[in-house]
Protein backbone atom coordinates (compact mmCIF):
# COMPACT_ATOMS: atom_id res chain seq x y z
CA MET A 1 4.90 -2.89 -1.07
CA LEU A 2 3.30 -0.90 -3.86
CA TRP A 3 5.41 -2.56 -6.53
CA PHE A 4 4.58 -5.97 -5.09
CA LEU A 5 0.85 -5.23 -5.15
CA HIS A 6 1.12 -3.90 -8.71
CA LEU A 7 2.95 -7.02 -9.88
CA CYS A 8 0.39 -9.26 -8.18
CA ALA A 9 -2.44 -7.39 -9.92
CA GLU A 10 -0.70 -7.82 -13.27
CA ALA A 11 -0.33 -11.56 -12.58
CA GLY A 12 -4.01 -11.88 -11.64
CA ILE A 13 -3.23 -12.58 -7.98
CA ALA A 14 -5.77 -11.15 -5.53
CA VAL A 15 -4.03 -9.92 -2.38
CA THR A 16 -6.59 -9.52 0.41
CA SER A 17 -4.19 -8.57 3.21
CA TYR A 18 -0.58 -7.38 3.48
CA THR A 19 1.19 -6.51 6.70
CA ASP A 20 4.91 -6.17 7.30
CA ASN A 21 7.14 -6.42 10.34
CA ALA A 22 10.39 -5.04 8.98
CA GLU A 23 13.59 -5.49 10.97
CA GLY A 24 16.82 -3.58 10.58
CA VAL A 25 20.38 -4.13 11.70
CA MET A 26 22.10 -0.94 12.75
CA LEU A 27 25.77 -0.35 13.41
CA GLU A 28 26.26 2.21 16.17
CA ASN A 29 29.53 4.09 16.46
CA ALA A 30 31.21 5.10 19.71
CA ASP A 31 30.20 8.74 19.16
CA GLY A 32 26.50 7.79 19.00
CA SER A 33 26.16 8.05 15.23
CA GLY A 34 25.21 5.00 13.23
CA ARG A 35 23.84 3.51 10.09
CA PHE A 36 21.73 0.62 8.94
CA THR A 37 23.67 -2.28 7.47
CA GLU A 38 20.74 -4.49 6.48
CA VAL A 39 16.93 -4.53 6.46
CA THR A 40 14.69 -7.57 6.23
CA LEU A 41 11.07 -7.16 5.24
CA ARG A 42 8.81 -9.81 6.76
CA PRO A 43 5.51 -9.38 4.96
CA VAL A 44 2.53 -11.58 5.74
CA VAL A 45 0.56 -11.81 2.50
CA THR A 46 -2.93 -13.28 2.28
CA ILE A 47 -3.99 -14.38 -1.20
CA GLN A 48 -7.50 -15.17 -2.35
CA GLY A 49 -7.65 -18.51 -4.15
CA ALA A 50 -4.81 -20.81 -5.16
CA CYS A 51 -1.29 -19.53 -4.66
CA SER A 52 2.32 -20.54 -5.09
CA GLU A 53 5.06 -19.72 -2.58
CA SER A 54 7.67 -19.71 -5.33
CA GLU A 55 5.63 -17.31 -7.47
CA ILE A 56 5.12 -14.94 -4.52
CA ALA A 57 8.85 -15.09 -3.72
CA GLN A 58 9.66 -14.23 -7.35
CA LEU A 59 7.24 -11.28 -7.28
CA HIS A 60 8.90 -9.98 -4.10
CA LYS A 61 12.31 -10.27 -5.77
CA LYS A 62 11.07 -8.41 -8.85
CA ALA A 63 9.38 -5.74 -6.70
CA ASN A 64 12.66 -5.23 -4.83
CA ALA A 65 14.45 -4.62 -8.14
CA PHE A 66 11.95 -1.86 -9.00
CA CYS A 67 11.59 -0.37 -5.50
CA PHE A 68 12.67 3.27 -5.24
CA ILE A 69 13.63 2.93 -1.57
CA ALA A 70 15.57 -0.33 -2.00
CA ASN A 71 17.43 1.26 -4.91
CA SER A 72 18.26 4.35 -2.85
CA VAL A 73 19.99 2.75 0.11
CA ASN A 74 23.52 1.35 0.36
CA PHE A 75 22.65 -1.83 2.24
CA PRO A 76 20.77 -4.98 1.26
CA VAL A 77 16.99 -5.11 1.58
CA LYS A 78 15.98 -8.74 2.06
CA HIS A 79 12.56 -10.38 1.92
CA ALA A 80 11.20 -13.19 4.09
CA PRO A 81 7.54 -13.40 3.08
CA VAL A 82 4.91 -15.54 4.78
CA LEU A 83 2.11 -16.63 2.48
CA ILE A 84 -1.43 -17.36 3.65
CA CYS A 85 -3.84 -19.06 1.26
CA PRO A 86 -7.12 -19.66 3.09
């Protein structure tokens, strides 16, 4: 999220609200251990003024490339943003 907000600020995009309902897929082993195999971030982003869904999607993709957490895990971190432009 912090990288996304930083990139928006650099692009002159005013984010007025950001909430996320992340979902993960976990593989559980017979012995009770397990691991995540995939995570999908589902941010709801509210932008002040005009906005472009494709530009927001690109900023999420770029933020994912810079994200310390996404770069530290061995499973894909996907993004499914919802954009609100009042």
